[in-house]
N, C-alpha and C. Protein backbone atom coordinates (compact mmCIF):
# COMPACT_ATOMS: atom_id res chain seq x y z
N MET A 1 41.50 181.81 74.63
CA MET A 1 40.96 180.17 75.09
C MET A 1 40.39 179.81 76.66
N ILE A 2 41.08 180.48 77.56
CA ILE A 2 40.71 179.71 79.35
C ILE A 2 38.93 180.56 78.77
N CYS A 3 38.28 182.21 78.58
CA CYS A 3 37.31 182.48 78.56
C CYS A 3 36.42 181.19 77.99
N ILE A 4 37.19 181.22 76.81
CA ILE A 4 36.01 180.24 75.88
C ILE A 4 35.00 179.00 76.81
N LEU A 5 36.47 178.42 77.75
CA LEU A 5 36.18 177.25 78.35
C LEU A 5 35.37 177.64 79.44
N VAL A 6 35.21 178.72 80.09
CA VAL A 6 34.48 179.28 80.99
C VAL A 6 33.48 179.48 80.79
N LEU A 7 33.22 180.04 79.76
CA LEU A 7 32.09 180.79 78.77
C LEU A 7 30.87 178.99 78.17
N ILE A 8 31.88 177.87 77.54
CA ILE A 8 31.48 176.63 77.80
C ILE A 8 30.65 176.35 78.92
N GLY A 9 31.42 176.29 80.59
CA GLY A 9 31.40 175.43 81.42
C GLY A 9 29.69 176.31 82.06
N ALA A 10 29.82 178.21 81.70
CA ALA A 10 28.66 178.53 82.13
C ALA A 10 27.39 178.35 81.48
N ILE A 11 26.96 177.88 79.86
CA ILE A 11 26.23 177.52 78.96
C ILE A 11 25.95 176.45 79.41
N LEU A 12 26.62 175.14 80.14
CA LEU A 12 26.18 173.91 79.98
C LEU A 12 25.62 174.53 81.56
N SER A 13 26.12 175.10 82.81
CA SER A 13 25.58 175.23 83.71
C SER A 13 24.04 175.08 83.62
N ILE A 14 23.88 176.36 82.91
CA ILE A 14 22.18 177.20 82.96
C ILE A 14 21.67 176.47 82.44
N LEU A 15 22.44 176.07 81.07
CA LEU A 15 20.99 174.47 80.83
C LEU A 15 20.66 173.12 80.99
N GLY A 16 21.85 172.66 82.36
CA GLY A 16 21.55 171.54 83.26
C GLY A 16 20.85 172.30 84.66
N GLY A 17 21.01 173.55 85.36
CA GLY A 17 20.06 174.04 85.73
C GLY A 17 18.27 173.97 85.47
N VAL A 18 18.15 174.93 83.79
CA VAL A 18 16.90 174.36 83.98
C VAL A 18 16.71 173.37 83.93
N ALA A 19 17.29 172.15 82.94
CA ALA A 19 16.75 170.89 82.68
C ALA A 19 16.53 170.36 84.34
N LEU A 20 17.44 170.87 85.14
CA LEU A 20 16.87 169.78 86.82
C LEU A 20 15.92 170.67 87.47
N VAL A 21 15.44 171.96 86.81
CA VAL A 21 14.46 173.04 87.65
C VAL A 21 13.02 171.90 86.98
N GLY A 22 12.94 171.62 85.84
CA GLY A 22 11.99 171.13 84.51
C GLY A 22 11.91 169.54 85.19
N LEU A 23 13.01 168.80 85.79
CA LEU A 23 13.17 167.58 86.33
C LEU A 23 12.16 167.43 87.56
N GLY A 24 12.59 168.30 88.30
CA GLY A 24 12.03 168.52 89.73
C GLY A 24 11.26 169.04 89.54
N GLY A 25 10.37 169.46 88.90
CA GLY A 25 8.69 169.79 88.96
C GLY A 25 7.93 168.66 88.32
N LEU A 26 8.78 167.71 87.49
CA LEU A 26 7.93 166.80 86.25
C LEU A 26 8.15 165.62 87.72
N MET A 27 9.33 165.28 88.36
CA MET A 27 9.35 164.27 89.75
C MET A 27 8.33 164.16 90.79
N GLY A 28 7.83 165.97 90.92
CA GLY A 28 6.79 166.41 91.94
C GLY A 28 5.40 165.94 91.67
N ALA A 29 5.37 166.43 90.35
CA ALA A 29 4.17 165.84 89.40
C ALA A 29 3.44 164.68 89.71
N VAL A 30 4.40 163.83 89.24
CA VAL A 30 4.24 162.03 89.40
C VAL A 30 3.82 161.59 90.80
N GLY A 31 4.16 162.45 92.07
CA GLY A 31 4.39 161.94 93.40
C GLY A 31 5.55 161.65 93.96
N LEU A 32 6.71 162.39 93.35
CA LEU A 32 8.02 161.86 94.44
C LEU A 32 8.06 163.06 94.85
N GLY A 33 7.91 163.89 95.76
CA GLY A 33 7.97 165.10 96.25
C GLY A 33 9.04 165.05 96.77
N ILE A 34 9.78 164.52 97.27
CA ILE A 34 10.64 164.80 98.30
C ILE A 34 12.13 164.96 97.08
N PHE A 35 11.67 163.83 95.98
CA PHE A 35 13.23 163.89 94.93
C PHE A 35 12.97 164.79 93.80
N GLY A 36 11.33 165.65 93.74
CA GLY A 36 11.13 166.83 93.09
C GLY A 36 11.83 168.07 93.51
N ALA A 37 11.96 168.23 94.79
CA ALA A 37 12.30 169.28 95.58
C ALA A 37 13.66 169.49 96.11
N MET A 38 14.22 168.30 95.28
CA MET A 38 15.37 168.28 95.75
C MET A 38 16.33 168.32 94.65
N GLY A 39 15.48 168.27 93.64
CA GLY A 39 15.73 168.17 92.33
C GLY A 39 16.19 170.27 91.60
N ALA A 40 15.02 170.17 92.14
CA ALA A 40 14.39 171.77 92.14
C ALA A 40 16.00 172.73 92.78
N VAL A 41 15.66 172.20 93.80
CA VAL A 41 17.14 173.16 94.77
C VAL A 41 18.03 173.29 94.09
N LEU A 42 18.52 171.71 93.58
CA LEU A 42 19.96 171.56 92.64
C LEU A 42 20.37 172.63 91.92
N GLY A 43 18.54 172.41 90.79
CA GLY A 43 18.77 173.21 89.18
C GLY A 43 19.19 174.87 89.91
N VAL A 44 18.43 175.06 91.01
CA VAL A 44 18.49 176.63 91.04
C VAL A 44 20.47 176.59 91.57
N VAL A 45 20.40 176.06 92.10
CA VAL A 45 21.66 176.10 92.42
C VAL A 45 22.88 175.75 90.98
N THR A 46 22.69 175.23 90.47
CA THR A 46 23.16 174.87 89.38
C THR A 46 23.14 176.17 88.50
N LEU A 47 21.70 176.45 88.29
CA LEU A 47 21.67 177.78 87.22
C LEU A 47 21.97 179.40 88.15
N LEU A 48 22.16 179.31 89.14
CA LEU A 48 23.26 180.11 89.75
C LEU A 48 24.99 179.92 89.72
N ILE A 49 25.33 179.12 89.10
CA ILE A 49 26.47 179.32 89.47
C ILE A 49 27.06 178.79 87.76
N GLY A 50 25.85 178.64 87.00
CA GLY A 50 25.84 179.51 85.70
C GLY A 50 26.05 180.72 85.56
N ILE A 51 24.81 181.55 86.03
CA ILE A 51 24.82 182.11 86.06
C ILE A 51 26.38 183.80 86.48
N VAL A 52 26.86 182.84 87.59
CA VAL A 52 27.80 183.65 88.26
C VAL A 52 29.33 183.40 87.32
N SER A 53 28.83 181.91 86.55
CA SER A 53 30.52 181.67 85.63
C SER A 53 30.35 182.51 84.34
N LEU A 54 29.36 182.84 83.85
CA LEU A 54 28.91 184.05 82.93
C LEU A 54 29.68 185.30 83.27
N VAL A 55 29.29 185.79 84.24
CA VAL A 55 29.81 186.98 84.99
C VAL A 55 31.29 186.99 85.15
N ALA A 56 32.57 185.88 85.98
CA ALA A 56 33.68 185.46 85.30
C ALA A 56 34.03 185.49 84.13
N PHE A 57 33.22 184.84 82.79
CA PHE A 57 33.68 184.98 81.54
C PHE A 57 33.73 186.53 81.20
N TRP A 58 32.93 187.31 81.44
CA TRP A 58 33.16 188.77 81.10
C TRP A 58 33.91 189.11 81.63
N TRP A 59 34.28 189.21 82.71
CA TRP A 59 35.37 190.14 83.77
C TRP A 59 36.86 189.27 82.95
N LEU A 60 37.03 188.32 82.82
CA LEU A 60 38.48 187.37 82.12
C LEU A 60 38.36 188.22 80.50
N TRP A 61 37.41 187.83 79.95
CA TRP A 61 37.23 188.38 79.30
C TRP A 61 37.96 190.07 79.16
N LYS A 62 37.46 191.01 79.61
CA LYS A 62 37.84 192.45 80.23
C LYS A 62 39.16 192.50 80.92
N MET A 63 39.89 191.22 80.78
CA MET A 63 41.28 191.08 81.99
C MET A 63 41.20 191.75 83.05
N LEU A 64 40.02 191.85 84.13
CA LEU A 64 39.85 192.47 84.91
C LEU A 64 40.29 191.08 86.77
N LYS A 65 40.96 191.48 87.23
CA LYS A 65 41.44 191.16 88.71
C LYS A 65 40.61 190.45 89.16
N LYS A 66 39.18 190.84 89.29
CA LYS A 66 38.11 190.15 89.91
C LYS A 66 37.76 188.67 89.08
N GLY A 67 37.92 188.97 87.39
CA GLY A 67 36.93 188.01 87.20
C GLY A 67 38.22 186.95 87.61
N TRP A 68 39.69 187.05 87.66
CA TRP A 68 40.57 186.03 87.76
C TRP A 68 40.32 185.02 88.82
N THR A 69 39.98 186.31 90.13
CA THR A 69 39.64 185.94 91.73
C THR A 69 38.39 184.74 91.20
N LEU A 70 37.68 185.43 90.66
CA LEU A 70 36.25 184.49 90.83
C LEU A 70 36.45 183.49 90.12
N ALA A 71 37.06 182.85 88.60
CA ALA A 71 37.12 182.22 87.84
C ALA A 71 38.17 181.31 88.49
N ILE A 72 39.38 181.58 89.60
CA ILE A 72 39.83 180.91 90.08
C ILE A 72 38.78 179.83 91.52
N ILE A 73 38.10 180.97 91.68
CA ILE A 73 36.99 179.66 93.13
C ILE A 73 36.33 178.82 92.22
N LEU A 74 35.62 179.47 91.40
CA LEU A 74 34.39 178.85 90.83
C LEU A 74 35.57 177.53 89.81
N GLU A 75 36.55 177.96 90.04
CA GLU A 75 36.97 175.96 89.38
C GLU A 75 37.90 175.63 90.14
N VAL A 76 38.17 176.27 91.47
CA VAL A 76 38.33 175.24 92.91
C VAL A 76 37.11 174.68 92.81
N ILE A 77 36.04 175.67 93.44
CA ILE A 77 34.83 174.37 93.95
C ILE A 77 34.41 173.48 92.64
N GLY A 78 34.54 173.22 91.44
CA GLY A 78 34.06 172.64 90.36
C GLY A 78 35.25 171.78 90.48
N LEU A 79 36.01 171.71 90.72
CA LEU A 79 37.36 170.40 90.61
C LEU A 79 37.07 169.37 92.07
N ILE A 80 36.91 170.50 93.36
CA ILE A 80 36.19 169.48 94.71
C ILE A 80 34.81 169.04 94.65
N LEU A 81 33.98 169.71 93.77
CA LEU A 81 32.99 168.66 93.42
C LEU A 81 33.39 167.30 92.57
N ASN A 82 34.34 167.53 91.61
CA ASN A 82 34.50 166.35 90.49
C ASN A 82 35.16 165.29 91.81
N LEU A 83 35.60 165.60 92.20
CA LEU A 83 36.72 164.79 93.20
C LEU A 83 35.67 164.10 94.22
N VAL A 84 34.55 164.57 94.66
CA VAL A 84 33.80 163.55 95.44
C VAL A 84 32.95 163.18 94.17
N SER A 85 32.25 163.08 93.15
CA SER A 85 31.36 162.59 92.73
C SER A 85 32.41 162.09 91.44
N PHE A 86 33.22 161.16 92.30
CA PHE A 86 33.75 160.62 90.68
C PHE A 86 33.68 159.52 90.03
N ASN A 87 33.52 159.81 88.87
CA ASN A 87 33.01 158.61 88.07
C ASN A 87 33.66 159.01 86.62
N MET A 88 33.66 158.43 85.59
CA MET A 88 34.42 158.25 84.42
C MET A 88 34.18 160.04 83.15
N GLY A 89 32.96 160.61 83.67
CA GLY A 89 32.39 161.63 83.54
C GLY A 89 33.71 162.98 84.34
N SER A 90 33.37 163.04 85.29
CA SER A 90 34.46 163.94 86.14
C SER A 90 35.85 164.25 85.88
N VAL A 91 36.27 162.61 85.06
CA VAL A 91 37.84 162.66 85.16
C VAL A 91 38.10 164.22 84.06
N VAL A 92 36.80 164.16 83.03
CA VAL A 92 37.04 165.27 82.28
C VAL A 92 37.17 166.38 82.84
N GLY A 93 36.22 166.42 83.89
CA GLY A 93 36.25 167.76 84.31
C GLY A 93 37.06 168.29 85.55
N ILE A 94 37.98 167.36 85.96
CA ILE A 94 39.10 167.40 86.95
C ILE A 94 40.19 168.14 85.93
N VAL A 95 40.19 167.25 84.87
CA VAL A 95 41.45 167.78 83.88
C VAL A 95 41.40 169.24 83.61
N LEU A 96 40.07 169.81 83.72
CA LEU A 96 40.20 170.68 83.00
C LEU A 96 39.78 172.05 83.97
N ALA A 97 39.59 171.74 84.79
CA ALA A 97 39.65 172.34 85.92
C ALA A 97 40.86 172.90 86.47
N LEU A 98 41.55 172.07 86.33
CA LEU A 98 43.38 171.82 86.85
C LEU A 98 43.73 172.94 85.80
N VAL A 99 43.90 172.58 84.33
CA VAL A 99 44.15 173.03 83.19
C VAL A 99 43.72 174.57 83.69
N ILE A 100 42.56 174.83 83.47
CA ILE A 100 42.65 176.45 83.88
C ILE A 100 42.90 176.89 84.95
N ILE A 101 42.91 176.49 86.24
CA ILE A 101 43.90 176.98 87.67
C ILE A 101 44.66 177.14 87.27
N VAL A 102 45.83 176.29 86.41
CA VAL A 102 47.16 176.27 86.34
C VAL A 102 47.88 177.47 85.71
N TYR A 103 46.91 177.91 84.15
CA TYR A 103 47.00 178.69 83.30
C TYR A 103 47.27 180.05 83.86
N LEU A 104 45.34 179.96 84.74
CA LEU A 104 45.09 181.48 85.41
C LEU A 104 46.03 181.99 86.29
N TRP A 105 47.05 180.58 86.92
CA TRP A 105 47.58 181.15 88.08
C TRP A 105 48.99 181.85 87.36
N MET A 106 49.40 181.17 86.35
CA MET A 106 50.57 181.39 85.52
C MET A 106 50.70 183.35 85.32
N LYS A 107 49.29 183.02 84.58
CA LYS A 107 49.07 184.20 83.92
C LYS A 107 48.32 185.59 84.66
N LYS A 108 48.64 185.42 85.86
CA LYS A 108 47.85 185.99 86.64
C LYS A 108 48.32 187.54 87.24
N ASP A 109 49.62 187.69 85.86
CA ASP A 109 49.78 188.96 86.19
C ASP A 109 49.51 189.80 85.66
N LEU A 110 48.83 189.49 84.75
CA LEU A 110 48.43 190.12 82.95
C LEU A 110 47.16 190.86 83.62
N PHE A 111 46.55 190.47 84.70
CA PHE A 111 45.01 190.90 85.00
C PHE A 111 45.27 191.83 85.83
N VAL A 112 44.69 193.09 85.13
CA VAL A 112 44.50 194.16 86.43
C VAL A 112 43.15 195.05 86.92
């Protein structure tokens, strides 16, 4: 179940990253250069996080210790980002990150 949540998060990050890169290009094309550049950079970072999350998903699926470690790191980063940009949408992100962190922590001895 946790693997599927990480996979969904990875897919959403990749889609969001692609959308932000596209939006950044569109904003640059209409003359909002600095906002376009910031959108594109944010999109690339989000895309990279999504790709790293896919790796974490695969390693979790294989029950590897490095997958556990990577997933914990990604969830802590996500938790911090959701706490910093607190809004109604981030409440779901905070709860999901906490659930994943607590569950993975309880099952850490299963990963080799």
